[in-house]
C-alpha atoms as a PDB file:
ATOM      1  CA  MET A   1      -0.141  -0.060  -0.082  1.00  0.00           C
ATOM      2  CA  ALA A   2       2.672   2.473   0.881  1.00  0.00           C
ATOM      3  CA  ALA A   3       5.584   3.293  -1.606  1.00  0.00           C
ATOM      4  CA  ALA A   4       8.441   5.415  -0.715  1.00  0.00           C
ATOM      5  CA  LEU A   5       9.255   7.558  -3.662  1.00  0.00           C
ATOM      6  CA  GLY A   6      12.881   7.669  -2.603  1.00  0.00           C
ATOM      7  CA  VAL A   7      15.223  10.523  -2.084  1.00  0.00           C
ATOM      8  CA  ARG A   8      15.064  13.356  -4.653  1.00  0.00           C
ATOM      9  CA  GLY A   9      17.545  16.089  -3.869  1.00  0.00           C
ATOM     10  CA  ALA A  10      16.880  17.092  -0.457  1.00  0.00           C
ATOM     11  CA  THR A  11      13.533  15.658   0.361  1.00  0.00           C
ATOM     12  CA  ARG A  12      11.992  12.273   1.084  1.00  0.00           C
ATOM     13  CA  CYS A  13       8.398  11.662  -0.265  1.00  0.00           C
ATOM     14  CA  TRP A  14       5.813   8.858   0.429  1.00  0.00           C
ATOM     15  CA  PHE A  15       2.518   8.290  -1.320  1.00  0.00           C
ATOM     16  CA  VAL A  16       0.001   6.172   0.528  1.00  0.00           C
ATOM     17  CA  ALA A  17      -3.018   5.083  -1.485  1.00  0.00           C
ATOM     18  CA  LEU A  18      -5.731   3.059   0.375  1.00  0.00           C
ATOM     19  CA  ARG A  19      -7.826   0.690  -1.563  1.00  0.00           C
ATOM     20  CA  GLY A  20     -11.218   1.955  -2.502  1.00  0.00           C
ATOM     21  CA  TRP A  21     -13.179   4.880  -1.305  1.00  0.00           C
ATOM     22  CA  SER A  22     -15.755   4.900   1.579  1.00  0.00           C
ATOM     23  CA  GLN A  23     -16.028   6.730   5.036  1.00  0.00           C
ATOM     24  CA  ARG A  24     -14.130   3.924   6.442  1.00  0.00           C
ATOM     25  CA  VAL A  25     -11.249   4.261   4.219  1.00  0.00           C
ATOM     26  CA  ALA A  26     -11.321   8.019   4.809  1.00  0.00           C
ATOM     27  CA  ALA A  27     -11.147   7.449   8.462  1.00  0.00           C
ATOM     28  CA  MET A  28      -8.054   5.241   7.992  1.00  0.00           C
ATOM     29  CA  ALA A  29      -6.344   7.825   5.988  1.00  0.00           C
ATOM     30  CA  PHE A  30      -7.116  10.440   8.633  1.00  0.00           C
ATOM     31  CA  GLY A  31      -5.991   8.059  11.373  1.00  0.00           C
ATOM     32  CA  PHE A  32      -2.643   7.435   9.654  1.00  0.00           C
ATOM     33  CA  MET A  33      -2.040  10.944   9.151  1.00  0.00           C
ATOM     34  CA  SER A  34      -2.926  11.723  12.967  1.00  0.00           C
ATOM     35  CA  ARG A  35      -0.516   9.067  13.933  1.00  0.00           C
ATOM     36  CA  VAL A  36       2.279  10.450  11.869  1.00  0.00           C
ATOM     37  CA  ALA A  37       1.325  14.002  13.027  1.00  0.00           C
ATOM     38  CA  LEU A  38       1.479  13.108  16.600  1.00  0.00           C
ATOM     39  CA  GLN A  39       4.996  11.647  16.341  1.00  0.00           C
ATOM     40  CA  ALA A  40       6.253  14.618  14.102  1.00  0.00           C
ATOM     41  CA  GLU A  41       4.967  16.918  16.794  1.00  0.00           C
ATOM     42  CA  LYS A  42       6.767  15.109  19.653  1.00  0.00           C
ATOM     43  CA  MET A  43       9.876  15.627  17.303  1.00  0.00           C
ATOM     44  CA  ASN A  44       9.240  19.314  16.538  1.00  0.00           C
ATOM     45  CA  HIS A  45       9.268  18.271  12.898  1.00  0.00           C
ATOM     46  CA  HIS A  46       6.865  19.781  10.453  1.00  0.00           C
ATOM     47  CA  PRO A  47       6.548  17.555   7.332  1.00  0.00           C
ATOM     48  CA  GLU A  48       4.545  18.815   4.010  1.00  0.00           C
ATOM     49  CA  TRP A  49       1.074  17.182   3.706  1.00  0.00           C
ATOM     50  CA  PHE A  50      -1.160  16.504   0.740  1.00  0.00           C
ATOM     51  CA  ASN A  51      -4.452  14.535   1.212  1.00  0.00           C
ATOM     52  CA  VAL A  52      -7.292  13.886  -1.094  1.00  0.00           C
ATOM     53  CA  TYR A  53      -9.980  11.222  -0.194  1.00  0.00           C
ATOM     54  CA  ASN A  54      -7.843   7.835   0.136  1.00  0.00           C
ATOM     55  CA  LYS A  55      -4.435   9.330  -0.737  1.00  0.00           C
ATOM     56  CA  VAL A  56      -1.880  10.713   1.529  1.00  0.00           C
ATOM     57  CA  GLN A  57       1.538  12.216   0.568  1.00  0.00           C
ATOM     58  CA  ILE A  58       4.153  13.206   3.043  1.00  0.00           C
ATOM     59  CA  THR A  59       7.313  15.294   2.128  1.00  0.00           C
ATOM     60  CA  LEU A  60      10.228  15.523   4.617  1.00  0.00           C
ATOM     61  CA  THR A  61      12.918  18.041   4.558  1.00  0.00           C
ATOM     62  CA  SER A  62      14.641  20.253   7.036  1.00  0.00           C
ATOM     63  CA  HIS A  63      14.387  23.699   5.530  1.00  0.00           C
ATOM     64  CA  ASP A  64      16.932  25.081   8.061  1.00  0.00           C
ATOM     65  CA  CYS A  65      19.680  22.866   6.785  1.00  0.00           C
ATOM     66  CA  GLY A  66      18.513  22.562   3.039  1.00  0.00           C
ATOM     67  CA  GLY A  67      18.322  18.837   3.236  1.00  0.00           C
ATOM     68  CA  LEU A  68      17.771  15.560   5.175  1.00  0.00           C
ATOM     69  CA  THR A  69      18.800  15.372   8.558  1.00  0.00           C
ATOM     70  CA  LYS A  70      18.975  12.487  11.255  1.00  0.00           C
ATOM     71  CA  ARG A  71      15.536  13.750  12.514  1.00  0.00           C
ATOM     72  CA  ASP A  72      14.124  13.299   8.888  1.00  0.00           C
ATOM     73  CA  VAL A  73      15.456   9.778   8.891  1.00  0.00           C
ATOM     74  CA  LYS A  74      13.930   8.998  12.332  1.00  0.00           C
ATOM     75  CA  LEU A  75      10.573  10.219  11.283  1.00  0.00           C
ATOM     76  CA  ALA A  76      10.712   8.504   7.969  1.00  0.00           C
ATOM     77  CA  LYS A  77      11.154   5.074   9.835  1.00  0.00           C
ATOM     78  CA  PHE A  78       8.209   6.041  11.738  1.00  0.00           C
ATOM     79  CA  ILE A  79       6.281   6.625   8.696  1.00  0.00           C
ATOM     80  CA  GLU A  80       7.332   3.435   7.107  1.00  0.00           C
ATOM     81  CA  LYS A  81       6.011   1.285  10.182  1.00  0.00           C
ATOM     82  CA  ALA A  82       2.850   3.298  10.294  1.00  0.00           C
ATOM     83  CA  ALA A  83       2.182   2.896   6.592  1.00  0.00           C
ATOM     84  CA  ALA A  84       2.704  -0.875   6.798  1.00  0.00           C
ATOM     85  CA  SER A  85       0.120  -1.113   9.364  1.00  0.00           C
ATOM     86  CA  VAL A  86      -2.683   0.873   7.277  1.00  0.00           C
END
């Protein structure tokens, strides 16, 4: 379900598409986003988000250093685990 699109320059991007469309699937997408958002907040990290219906895209980069940091990698690992459980 989740596909890490890989590193492009100084960002890391995920695209998570849940199968089908229903209120239940929308709730799953919001649940996934909430789980990642709570972890990001704990880490004082602020990913870029895009969500439409059953699709979620998350982009990580640390603007203050112009690239990926250890903090990005730590959050990326969390996102991978969270996406695998959706």
